[in-house]
Each structure stands twice: as C-alpha cells, then as structure tokens.
Amino acid sequence: MRADAGICAEEIENSWNGFYLKAQEYTGSDDDKGADYLRDGAELCFEQAKKLSDIEDVKGLCSELVADLTTAAEEDGIGMNTDSEWVYLEIRDKIHDYIEKEHENE
C-alpha cells in the first residue's frame, strides 16, 4: 500500500484482500498467527479508509471489513485453532461502531 495521501478505495480493498488471503494461510498452524495478521491488516485498512474523501467509499470499505472479519470467525475459522479470534473481533466491533456513528451524523 502506498504511503501517500492519494490512496484510493480500490488500493485499500486490494490490500485487504491480500491480508485476508495471507491470514488464511496461517490457519491451523500451531502458532496460528492468522488472527494477529488479520487484526493488523484490518487496522491498517480501516485507518486508510477513514482518510478517503468520499464517505460512500469509506462506508463501503468499512462494511466489507466488518463482513469479512465476521466470516473469518464464523466460517473460515481464522484463529480458532488457538481461540484467538477475539483479537480481530475487537477491531471488527470498533469498525462497526464507526459505521454506526457515521450513519447517525447523516
């Protein structure tokens, strides 16, 4: 992901998809780093998404993050091997709260 302010929604989405795929590679290993990796990726993408000027892009990306993090816990089992899914569910809840707050401000 580029470090400049000109990042676009598509770049953030592509980065997020890469984080998610990489986290899945860790699933089932003894040290199951997937949950930490997913959390870190979600935090990075969330912070970048909040910098976008188009609020619809922000909401869309944040909604995708919430949906994917929920799927990671409920279907893909990322972090389940070591009961560490809570690590990324905390950031999911933070992003969800941000989306709700933005809806109140409309």
Protein backbone atom coordinates (compact mmCIF):
# COMPACT_ATOMS: atom_id res chain seq x y z
CA MET A 1 0.00 0.00 0.00
CA ARG A 2 1.40 3.41 -0.90
CA ALA A 3 2.13 5.73 1.98
CA ASP A 4 0.95 8.92 0.27
CA ALA A 5 -2.38 10.67 0.78
CA GLY A 6 -3.53 9.81 -2.74
CA ILE A 7 -4.54 6.26 -1.92
CA CYS A 8 -7.83 5.13 -3.43
CA ALA A 9 -10.56 2.78 -2.27
CA GLU A 10 -9.54 0.13 -4.79
CA GLU A 11 -5.98 0.02 -3.45
CA ILE A 12 -7.23 -0.38 0.11
CA GLU A 13 -9.61 -3.13 -0.96
CA ASN A 14 -6.83 -4.95 -2.83
CA SER A 15 -4.56 -4.69 0.21
CA TRP A 16 -7.30 -6.00 2.47
CA ASN A 17 -7.91 -8.97 0.18
CA GLY A 18 -4.19 -9.76 0.35
CA PHE A 19 -4.20 -9.58 4.15
CA TYR A 20 -7.20 -11.89 4.31
CA LEU A 21 -5.68 -14.48 2.00
CA LYS A 22 -2.39 -14.43 3.91
CA ALA A 23 -4.21 -14.83 7.24
CA GLN A 24 -5.94 -17.91 5.87
CA GLU A 25 -2.53 -19.46 5.14
CA TYR A 26 -1.73 -19.36 8.87
CA THR A 27 -4.95 -21.08 9.90
CA GLY A 28 -4.41 -24.39 11.65
CA SER A 29 -0.73 -23.92 12.42
CA ASP A 30 0.47 -24.38 15.98
CA ASP A 31 1.19 -20.69 16.49
CA ASP A 32 -1.80 -19.55 14.39
CA LYS A 33 -0.59 -16.06 13.55
CA GLY A 34 -3.60 -15.58 11.28
CA ALA A 35 -5.66 -13.76 13.89
CA ASP A 36 -2.89 -11.26 14.60
CA TYR A 37 -2.21 -10.79 10.91
CA LEU A 38 -5.91 -10.24 10.20
CA ARG A 39 -6.21 -7.72 13.04
CA ASP A 40 -3.18 -5.77 11.89
CA GLY A 41 -4.40 -5.72 8.30
CA ALA A 42 -7.88 -4.63 9.33
CA GLU A 43 -6.50 -1.82 11.50
CA LEU A 44 -4.26 -0.57 8.70
CA CYS A 45 -7.01 -0.69 6.08
CA PHE A 46 -9.51 0.93 8.45
CA GLU A 47 -7.17 3.83 9.17
CA GLN A 48 -6.51 4.30 5.46
CA ALA A 49 -10.23 4.08 4.62
CA LYS A 50 -11.06 6.86 7.09
CA LYS A 51 -8.74 9.16 5.11
CA LEU A 52 -10.75 8.82 1.90
CA SER A 53 -12.71 11.89 0.84
CA ASP A 54 -15.76 10.01 -0.50
CA ILE A 55 -17.84 8.95 2.51
CA GLU A 56 -19.55 6.25 0.44
CA ASP A 57 -16.15 4.66 -0.24
CA VAL A 58 -15.38 4.81 3.48
CA LYS A 59 -18.68 3.15 4.40
CA GLY A 60 -18.31 0.54 1.68
CA LEU A 61 -14.81 -0.45 2.74
CA CYS A 62 -15.70 -0.46 6.43
CA SER A 63 -18.75 -2.61 5.76
CA GLU A 64 -16.58 -5.04 3.79
CA LEU A 65 -14.09 -5.22 6.65
CA VAL A 66 -16.85 -5.97 9.17
CA ALA A 67 -18.40 -8.64 6.94
CA ASP A 68 -15.05 -10.31 6.21
CA LEU A 69 -13.97 -10.29 9.86
CA THR A 70 -17.29 -11.87 10.82
CA THR A 71 -16.85 -14.51 8.12
CA ALA A 72 -13.29 -15.16 9.31
CA ALA A 73 -14.61 -16.14 12.73
CA GLU A 74 -17.86 -17.85 11.78
CA GLU A 75 -16.95 -19.69 8.59
CA ASP A 76 -13.23 -19.65 7.81
CA GLY A 77 -12.09 -20.34 11.37
CA ILE A 78 -9.14 -17.98 11.33
CA GLY A 79 -7.66 -18.01 14.83
CA MET A 80 -9.92 -20.80 16.05
CA ASN A 81 -7.03 -23.23 16.46
CA THR A 82 -5.75 -21.19 19.40
CA ASP A 83 -9.02 -19.47 20.42
CA SER A 84 -7.58 -16.15 19.31
CA GLU A 85 -10.35 -14.91 17.03
CA TRP A 86 -11.19 -12.31 19.69
CA VAL A 87 -8.04 -10.47 18.56
CA TYR A 88 -9.62 -9.37 15.30
CA LEU A 89 -13.21 -9.33 16.51
CA GLU A 90 -12.29 -6.35 18.69
CA ILE A 91 -11.28 -4.30 15.63
CA ARG A 92 -14.40 -5.54 13.84
CA ASP A 93 -16.53 -4.09 16.65
CA LYS A 94 -14.58 -0.82 16.53
CA ILE A 95 -15.18 -0.52 12.77
CA HIS A 96 -18.85 -1.40 13.21
CA ASP A 97 -19.23 1.31 15.85
CA TYR A 98 -17.57 3.79 13.48
CA ILE A 99 -20.06 2.93 10.72
CA GLU A 100 -22.99 3.34 13.13
CA LYS A 101 -21.65 6.72 14.27
CA GLU A 102 -21.35 7.89 10.66
CA HIS A 103 -24.99 6.90 10.00
CA GLU A 104 -26.08 8.99 12.99
CA ASN A 105 -24.28 12.02 11.57
CA GLU A 106 -26.13 11.90 8.25
